[in-house]
Amino acid sequence: MKKLATLGHPASRDVCDVHYVNDKSVKAVQRAMVSDAVAEALAETFKVLSDPTRVKILCALSKAELCVCDLSALLGMHESAVSHHLRLLKTLKLVKYRREGRMAYYSLDDEHIERLFRQGLEHVQESYG
């Protein structure tokens, strides 16, 4: 445990008044930290989710399995634009598809994605009513 220097910012309450490093806590968290590769992959996932259209696609797919035509009609977009978004979501394993004859039906990749979407939505709805 190290106490370094007093910062001298009494008016600011969102930072520590002294610089103190709890070595035990830092080392414990350091052992549990994700790798750079995992951090990058997670950041990419959240970047993809930063687009409102892709959020709407995930919302729709959290309700039902849909094809590109269904999503296009639902979102009022051209099928090529919906396909572009689905490709990005599929690349990051957020959605999957299955073929039935000449149709390709999309759904959320697994329960982790459904939970991630649902919890994010609940968080936003709590904050914005």
N, C-alpha and C. Protein backbone atom coordinates (compact mmCIF):
# COMPACT_ATOMS: atom_id res chain seq x y z
N MET A 1 0.84 -1.17 0.00
CA MET A 1 0.00 0.00 0.00
C MET A 1 0.88 1.23 0.00
N LYS A 2 0.61 2.10 -0.95
CA LYS A 2 1.45 3.28 -1.10
C LYS A 2 0.62 4.54 -0.99
N LYS A 3 1.07 5.46 -0.17
CA LYS A 3 0.47 6.79 -0.14
C LYS A 3 1.49 7.70 -0.78
N LEU A 4 1.09 8.34 -1.87
CA LEU A 4 2.05 9.18 -2.58
C LEU A 4 1.90 10.64 -2.20
N ALA A 5 1.11 11.37 -2.89
CA ALA A 5 1.03 12.81 -2.63
C ALA A 5 -0.41 13.25 -2.55
N THR A 6 -0.66 14.30 -1.78
CA THR A 6 -1.98 14.89 -1.72
C THR A 6 -2.18 15.72 -2.98
N LEU A 7 -3.33 15.52 -3.62
CA LEU A 7 -3.58 16.20 -4.88
C LEU A 7 -3.98 17.66 -4.70
N GLY A 8 -4.60 17.98 -3.61
CA GLY A 8 -4.95 19.38 -3.34
C GLY A 8 -6.09 19.92 -4.18
N HIS A 9 -7.10 19.09 -4.45
CA HIS A 9 -8.27 19.53 -5.21
C HIS A 9 -9.51 19.37 -4.33
N PRO A 10 -9.65 20.15 -3.26
CA PRO A 10 -10.75 19.94 -2.33
C PRO A 10 -12.13 20.18 -2.95
N ALA A 11 -12.23 20.99 -3.98
CA ALA A 11 -13.53 21.28 -4.58
C ALA A 11 -14.04 20.13 -5.43
N SER A 12 -13.16 19.29 -5.92
CA SER A 12 -13.54 18.18 -6.78
C SER A 12 -13.82 16.95 -5.93
N ARG A 13 -15.04 16.42 -6.00
CA ARG A 13 -15.42 15.27 -5.18
C ARG A 13 -15.42 13.97 -5.98
N ASP A 14 -15.12 14.02 -7.28
CA ASP A 14 -15.14 12.81 -8.08
C ASP A 14 -13.77 12.19 -8.27
N VAL A 15 -12.78 12.70 -7.56
CA VAL A 15 -11.44 12.12 -7.56
C VAL A 15 -10.97 12.00 -6.12
N CYS A 16 -9.99 11.15 -5.91
CA CYS A 16 -9.43 11.00 -4.56
C CYS A 16 -8.70 12.27 -4.14
N ASP A 17 -8.75 12.56 -2.84
CA ASP A 17 -8.01 13.71 -2.30
C ASP A 17 -6.53 13.37 -2.09
N VAL A 18 -6.23 12.08 -2.01
CA VAL A 18 -4.85 11.63 -1.88
C VAL A 18 -4.61 10.53 -2.90
N HIS A 19 -3.37 10.35 -3.29
CA HIS A 19 -3.03 9.27 -4.21
C HIS A 19 -2.58 8.09 -3.37
N TYR A 20 -3.40 7.03 -3.36
CA TYR A 20 -3.14 5.86 -2.54
C TYR A 20 -3.44 4.64 -3.38
N VAL A 21 -2.49 3.75 -3.56
CA VAL A 21 -2.67 2.54 -4.35
C VAL A 21 -2.76 1.35 -3.40
N ASN A 22 -3.85 0.62 -3.47
CA ASN A 22 -4.03 -0.59 -2.68
C ASN A 22 -3.47 -1.75 -3.50
N ASP A 23 -2.21 -2.07 -3.26
CA ASP A 23 -1.51 -3.08 -4.05
C ASP A 23 -2.23 -4.42 -4.09
N LYS A 24 -2.79 -4.82 -2.97
CA LYS A 24 -3.48 -6.11 -2.90
C LYS A 24 -4.68 -6.14 -3.85
N SER A 25 -5.49 -5.10 -3.82
CA SER A 25 -6.65 -5.03 -4.71
C SER A 25 -6.23 -4.94 -6.17
N VAL A 26 -5.23 -4.13 -6.45
CA VAL A 26 -4.77 -3.96 -7.82
C VAL A 26 -4.25 -5.28 -8.37
N LYS A 27 -3.47 -6.01 -7.60
CA LYS A 27 -2.93 -7.29 -8.06
C LYS A 27 -4.03 -8.33 -8.26
N ALA A 28 -5.02 -8.35 -7.37
CA ALA A 28 -6.13 -9.30 -7.50
C ALA A 28 -6.92 -9.02 -8.78
N VAL A 29 -7.21 -7.76 -9.03
CA VAL A 29 -7.95 -7.39 -10.24
C VAL A 29 -7.09 -7.64 -11.48
N GLN A 30 -5.82 -7.35 -11.38
CA GLN A 30 -4.90 -7.55 -12.50
C GLN A 30 -4.91 -9.02 -12.96
N ARG A 31 -4.94 -9.95 -12.01
CA ARG A 31 -4.98 -11.38 -12.35
C ARG A 31 -6.28 -11.75 -13.04
N ALA A 32 -7.36 -11.02 -12.76
CA ALA A 32 -8.67 -11.33 -13.33
C ALA A 32 -8.98 -10.55 -14.60
N MET A 33 -8.11 -9.65 -15.00
CA MET A 33 -8.35 -8.82 -16.19
C MET A 33 -8.40 -9.66 -17.46
N VAL A 34 -9.18 -9.21 -18.41
CA VAL A 34 -9.26 -9.88 -19.70
C VAL A 34 -8.02 -9.56 -20.51
N SER A 35 -7.75 -10.42 -21.47
CA SER A 35 -6.60 -10.18 -22.34
C SER A 35 -6.90 -9.03 -23.29
N ASP A 36 -5.87 -8.51 -23.93
CA ASP A 36 -6.06 -7.45 -24.92
C ASP A 36 -6.96 -7.91 -26.05
N ALA A 37 -6.80 -9.16 -26.48
CA ALA A 37 -7.61 -9.69 -27.59
C ALA A 37 -9.09 -9.75 -27.21
N VAL A 38 -9.37 -10.19 -25.99
CA VAL A 38 -10.76 -10.26 -25.53
C VAL A 38 -11.33 -8.85 -25.38
N ALA A 39 -10.56 -7.93 -24.84
CA ALA A 39 -11.01 -6.54 -24.69
C ALA A 39 -11.33 -5.94 -26.06
N GLU A 40 -10.49 -6.21 -27.04
CA GLU A 40 -10.71 -5.70 -28.40
C GLU A 40 -11.98 -6.29 -29.00
N ALA A 41 -12.18 -7.60 -28.82
CA ALA A 41 -13.39 -8.25 -29.36
C ALA A 41 -14.65 -7.69 -28.71
N LEU A 42 -14.62 -7.46 -27.42
CA LEU A 42 -15.78 -6.90 -26.73
C LEU A 42 -16.04 -5.47 -27.18
N ALA A 43 -14.98 -4.70 -27.35
CA ALA A 43 -15.13 -3.32 -27.85
C ALA A 43 -15.75 -3.32 -29.24
N GLU A 44 -15.33 -4.25 -30.09
CA GLU A 44 -15.90 -4.36 -31.44
C GLU A 44 -17.39 -4.70 -31.36
N THR A 45 -17.76 -5.56 -30.44
CA THR A 45 -19.17 -5.91 -30.26
C THR A 45 -19.98 -4.67 -29.91
N PHE A 46 -19.48 -3.89 -28.96
CA PHE A 46 -20.21 -2.69 -28.57
C PHE A 46 -20.20 -1.63 -29.67
N LYS A 47 -19.15 -1.57 -30.47
CA LYS A 47 -19.14 -0.65 -31.61
C LYS A 47 -20.26 -1.00 -32.58
N VAL A 48 -20.41 -2.29 -32.87
CA VAL A 48 -21.46 -2.72 -33.79
C VAL A 48 -22.83 -2.37 -33.23
N LEU A 49 -22.98 -2.46 -31.92
CA LEU A 49 -24.25 -2.15 -31.28
C LEU A 49 -24.51 -0.65 -31.17
N SER A 50 -23.55 0.17 -31.59
CA SER A 50 -23.73 1.61 -31.50
C SER A 50 -24.60 2.17 -32.62
N ASP A 51 -25.01 1.35 -33.54
CA ASP A 51 -25.84 1.78 -34.66
C ASP A 51 -27.31 1.49 -34.35
N PRO A 52 -28.18 2.50 -34.39
CA PRO A 52 -29.60 2.29 -34.06
C PRO A 52 -30.30 1.25 -34.94
N THR A 53 -29.93 1.16 -36.21
CA THR A 53 -30.55 0.16 -37.08
C THR A 53 -30.22 -1.25 -36.60
N ARG A 54 -28.97 -1.47 -36.23
CA ARG A 54 -28.58 -2.80 -35.76
C ARG A 54 -29.25 -3.11 -34.42
N VAL A 55 -29.44 -2.10 -33.59
CA VAL A 55 -30.17 -2.29 -32.34
C VAL A 55 -31.60 -2.71 -32.64
N LYS A 56 -32.23 -2.07 -33.61
CA LYS A 56 -33.60 -2.44 -33.99
C LYS A 56 -33.66 -3.85 -34.55
N ILE A 57 -32.65 -4.24 -35.32
CA ILE A 57 -32.61 -5.60 -35.85
C ILE A 57 -32.52 -6.60 -34.69
N LEU A 58 -31.65 -6.33 -33.73
CA LEU A 58 -31.54 -7.22 -32.57
C LEU A 58 -32.84 -7.26 -31.77
N CYS A 59 -33.47 -6.11 -31.65
CA CYS A 59 -34.76 -6.06 -30.94
C CYS A 59 -35.78 -6.95 -31.64
N ALA A 60 -35.88 -6.81 -32.95
CA ALA A 60 -36.82 -7.62 -33.73
C ALA A 60 -36.50 -9.11 -33.58
N LEU A 61 -35.22 -9.45 -33.68
CA LEU A 61 -34.83 -10.85 -33.60
C LEU A 61 -34.93 -11.41 -32.18
N SER A 62 -35.02 -10.52 -31.19
CA SER A 62 -35.25 -11.01 -29.82
C SER A 62 -36.71 -11.42 -29.64
N LYS A 63 -37.56 -10.98 -30.57
CA LYS A 63 -38.99 -11.31 -30.51
C LYS A 63 -39.36 -12.50 -31.38
N ALA A 64 -38.66 -12.64 -32.53
CA ALA A 64 -39.01 -13.71 -33.47
C ALA A 64 -37.88 -13.93 -34.46
N GLU A 65 -37.84 -15.13 -34.99
CA GLU A 65 -36.93 -15.45 -36.08
C GLU A 65 -37.52 -14.84 -37.35
N LEU A 66 -36.71 -14.08 -38.10
CA LEU A 66 -37.21 -13.36 -39.27
C LEU A 66 -36.24 -13.50 -40.44
N CYS A 67 -36.77 -13.38 -41.65
CA CYS A 67 -35.91 -13.37 -42.84
C CYS A 67 -35.60 -11.92 -43.21
N VAL A 68 -34.71 -11.74 -44.16
CA VAL A 68 -34.31 -10.40 -44.60
C VAL A 68 -35.53 -9.62 -45.09
N CYS A 69 -36.42 -10.29 -45.82
CA CYS A 69 -37.63 -9.62 -46.33
C CYS A 69 -38.49 -9.09 -45.19
N ASP A 70 -38.64 -9.91 -44.14
CA ASP A 70 -39.42 -9.50 -42.97
C ASP A 70 -38.79 -8.27 -42.31
N LEU A 71 -37.48 -8.35 -42.10
CA LEU A 71 -36.78 -7.23 -41.46
C LEU A 71 -36.84 -5.98 -42.31
N SER A 72 -36.73 -6.14 -43.61
CA SER A 72 -36.80 -5.01 -44.54
C SER A 72 -38.16 -4.31 -44.43
N ALA A 73 -39.23 -5.10 -44.41
CA ALA A 73 -40.58 -4.53 -44.28
C ALA A 73 -40.77 -3.87 -42.93
N LEU A 74 -40.29 -4.52 -41.89
CA LEU A 74 -40.42 -4.01 -40.53
C LEU A 74 -39.71 -2.68 -40.35
N LEU A 75 -38.49 -2.57 -40.89
CA LEU A 75 -37.67 -1.38 -40.69
C LEU A 75 -37.84 -0.33 -41.79
N GLY A 76 -38.56 -0.67 -42.84
CA GLY A 76 -38.74 0.27 -43.95
C GLY A 76 -37.43 0.55 -44.69
N MET A 77 -36.63 -0.48 -44.86
CA MET A 77 -35.32 -0.35 -45.51
C MET A 77 -35.23 -1.30 -46.69
N HIS A 78 -34.31 -1.01 -47.60
CA HIS A 78 -34.03 -1.92 -48.71
C HIS A 78 -33.40 -3.19 -48.17
N GLU A 79 -33.69 -4.31 -48.81
CA GLU A 79 -33.14 -5.59 -48.38
C GLU A 79 -31.62 -5.59 -48.38
N SER A 80 -31.00 -4.89 -49.34
CA SER A 80 -29.54 -4.87 -49.40
C SER A 80 -28.95 -4.18 -48.16
N ALA A 81 -29.61 -3.14 -47.67
CA ALA A 81 -29.13 -2.44 -46.47
C ALA A 81 -29.28 -3.33 -45.24
N VAL A 82 -30.40 -4.03 -45.16
CA VAL A 82 -30.62 -4.95 -44.03
C VAL A 82 -29.58 -6.07 -44.08
N SER A 83 -29.32 -6.59 -45.27
CA SER A 83 -28.33 -7.66 -45.43
C SER A 83 -26.95 -7.21 -44.98
N HIS A 84 -26.61 -5.97 -45.29
CA HIS A 84 -25.31 -5.42 -44.87
C HIS A 84 -25.20 -5.43 -43.35
N HIS A 85 -26.24 -4.97 -42.68
CA HIS A 85 -26.23 -4.95 -41.21
C HIS A 85 -26.18 -6.37 -40.65
N LEU A 86 -26.93 -7.27 -41.25
CA LEU A 86 -26.94 -8.65 -40.77
C LEU A 86 -25.56 -9.31 -40.94
N ARG A 87 -24.87 -8.97 -42.02
CA ARG A 87 -23.51 -9.51 -42.24
C ARG A 87 -22.59 -9.10 -41.09
N LEU A 88 -22.65 -7.83 -40.71
CA LEU A 88 -21.82 -7.35 -39.60
C LEU A 88 -22.18 -8.06 -38.30
N LEU A 89 -23.46 -8.19 -38.05
CA LEU A 89 -23.91 -8.86 -36.83
C LEU A 89 -23.52 -10.34 -36.82
N LYS A 90 -23.58 -10.96 -37.99
CA LYS A 90 -23.21 -12.38 -38.10
C LYS A 90 -21.71 -12.56 -37.92
N THR A 91 -20.92 -11.64 -38.47
CA THR A 91 -19.46 -11.72 -38.34
C THR A 91 -19.04 -11.72 -36.88
N LEU A 92 -19.73 -10.95 -36.06
CA LEU A 92 -19.41 -10.88 -34.63
C LEU A 92 -20.17 -11.90 -33.80
N LYS A 93 -20.86 -12.82 -34.50
CA LYS A 93 -21.60 -13.90 -33.83
C LYS A 93 -22.70 -13.39 -32.91
N LEU A 94 -23.33 -12.30 -33.34
CA LEU A 94 -24.48 -11.78 -32.60
C LEU A 94 -25.78 -12.36 -33.14
N VAL A 95 -25.79 -12.70 -34.44
CA VAL A 95 -26.94 -13.35 -35.05
C VAL A 95 -26.46 -14.58 -35.82
N LYS A 96 -27.38 -15.47 -36.07
CA LYS A 96 -27.11 -16.66 -36.88
C LYS A 96 -28.28 -16.82 -37.84
N TYR A 97 -28.10 -17.68 -38.82
CA TYR A 97 -29.21 -17.93 -39.74
C TYR A 97 -29.31 -19.42 -40.02
N ARG A 98 -30.49 -19.79 -40.47
CA ARG A 98 -30.71 -21.16 -40.92
C ARG A 98 -31.46 -21.08 -42.24
N ARG A 99 -31.19 -22.02 -43.11
CA ARG A 99 -31.85 -22.06 -44.41
C ARG A 99 -33.03 -23.02 -44.35
N GLU A 100 -34.10 -22.60 -44.97
CA GLU A 100 -35.27 -23.47 -45.14
C GLU A 100 -35.70 -23.30 -46.59
N GLY A 101 -35.31 -24.24 -47.42
CA GLY A 101 -35.55 -24.10 -48.85
C GLY A 101 -34.76 -22.92 -49.39
N ARG A 102 -35.46 -21.97 -49.98
CA ARG A 102 -34.80 -20.79 -50.54
C ARG A 102 -34.77 -19.62 -49.57
N MET A 103 -35.27 -19.84 -48.36
CA MET A 103 -35.35 -18.77 -47.37
C MET A 103 -34.23 -18.92 -46.34
N ALA A 104 -33.73 -17.77 -45.87
CA ALA A 104 -32.74 -17.74 -44.79
C ALA A 104 -33.36 -16.98 -43.63
N TYR A 105 -33.50 -17.65 -42.50
CA TYR A 105 -34.11 -17.06 -41.33
C TYR A 105 -33.04 -16.71 -40.31
N TYR A 106 -33.13 -15.50 -39.78
CA TYR A 106 -32.17 -15.00 -38.81
C TYR A 106 -32.75 -15.02 -37.41
N SER A 107 -31.85 -15.24 -36.45
CA SER A 107 -32.23 -15.19 -35.04
C SER A 107 -30.99 -14.74 -34.25
N LEU A 108 -31.19 -14.42 -32.98
CA LEU A 108 -30.05 -14.09 -32.13
C LEU A 108 -29.19 -15.34 -32.00
N ASP A 109 -27.88 -15.14 -31.89
CA ASP A 109 -26.96 -16.28 -31.90
C ASP A 109 -27.16 -17.22 -30.72
N ASP A 110 -27.36 -16.68 -29.53
CA ASP A 110 -27.57 -17.54 -28.36
C ASP A 110 -28.17 -16.72 -27.22
N GLU A 111 -28.34 -17.38 -26.09
CA GLU A 111 -28.96 -16.73 -24.94
C GLU A 111 -28.10 -15.61 -24.36
N HIS A 112 -26.78 -15.65 -24.58
CA HIS A 112 -25.92 -14.57 -24.10
C HIS A 112 -26.26 -13.26 -24.79
N ILE A 113 -26.49 -13.33 -26.09
CA ILE A 113 -26.83 -12.12 -26.86
C ILE A 113 -28.20 -11.61 -26.43
N GLU A 114 -29.12 -12.52 -26.24
CA GLU A 114 -30.46 -12.11 -25.79
C GLU A 114 -30.37 -11.41 -24.43
N ARG A 115 -29.57 -11.97 -23.52
CA ARG A 115 -29.40 -11.36 -22.19
C ARG A 115 -28.71 -10.01 -22.28
N LEU A 116 -27.66 -9.93 -23.09
CA LEU A 116 -26.93 -8.67 -23.28
C LEU A 116 -27.88 -7.59 -23.79
N PHE A 117 -28.67 -7.93 -24.80
CA PHE A 117 -29.62 -6.96 -25.36
C PHE A 117 -30.67 -6.58 -24.32
N ARG A 118 -31.25 -7.56 -23.67
CA ARG A 118 -32.31 -7.29 -22.69
C ARG A 118 -31.81 -6.43 -21.54
N GLN A 119 -30.62 -6.73 -21.01
CA GLN A 119 -30.08 -5.95 -19.90
C GLN A 119 -29.72 -4.54 -20.33
N GLY A 120 -29.17 -4.39 -21.53
CA GLY A 120 -28.89 -3.04 -22.03
C GLY A 120 -30.16 -2.24 -22.20
N LEU A 121 -31.18 -2.88 -22.73
CA LEU A 121 -32.47 -2.21 -22.92
C LEU A 121 -33.08 -1.82 -21.58
N GLU A 122 -33.04 -2.72 -20.61
CA GLU A 122 -33.57 -2.41 -19.28
C GLU A 122 -32.84 -1.23 -18.66
N HIS A 123 -31.53 -1.20 -18.82
CA HIS A 123 -30.73 -0.11 -18.27
C HIS A 123 -31.17 1.23 -18.88
N VAL A 124 -31.30 1.26 -20.19
CA VAL A 124 -31.69 2.49 -20.87
C VAL A 124 -33.12 2.89 -20.49
N GLN A 125 -34.01 1.93 -20.43
CA GLN A 125 -35.39 2.25 -20.08
C GLN A 125 -35.51 2.77 -18.65
N GLU A 126 -34.69 2.28 -17.74
CA GLU A 126 -34.70 2.79 -16.36
C GLU A 126 -34.20 4.24 -16.34
N SER A 127 -33.22 4.54 -17.17
CA SER A 127 -32.63 5.87 -17.19
C SER A 127 -33.51 6.89 -17.89
N TYR A 128 -34.23 6.46 -18.92
CA TYR A 128 -35.00 7.40 -19.75
C TYR A 128 -36.50 7.21 -19.68
N GLY A 129 -36.93 6.35 -18.79
CA GLY A 129 -38.36 6.17 -18.57
C GLY A 129 -39.00 5.46 -19.66
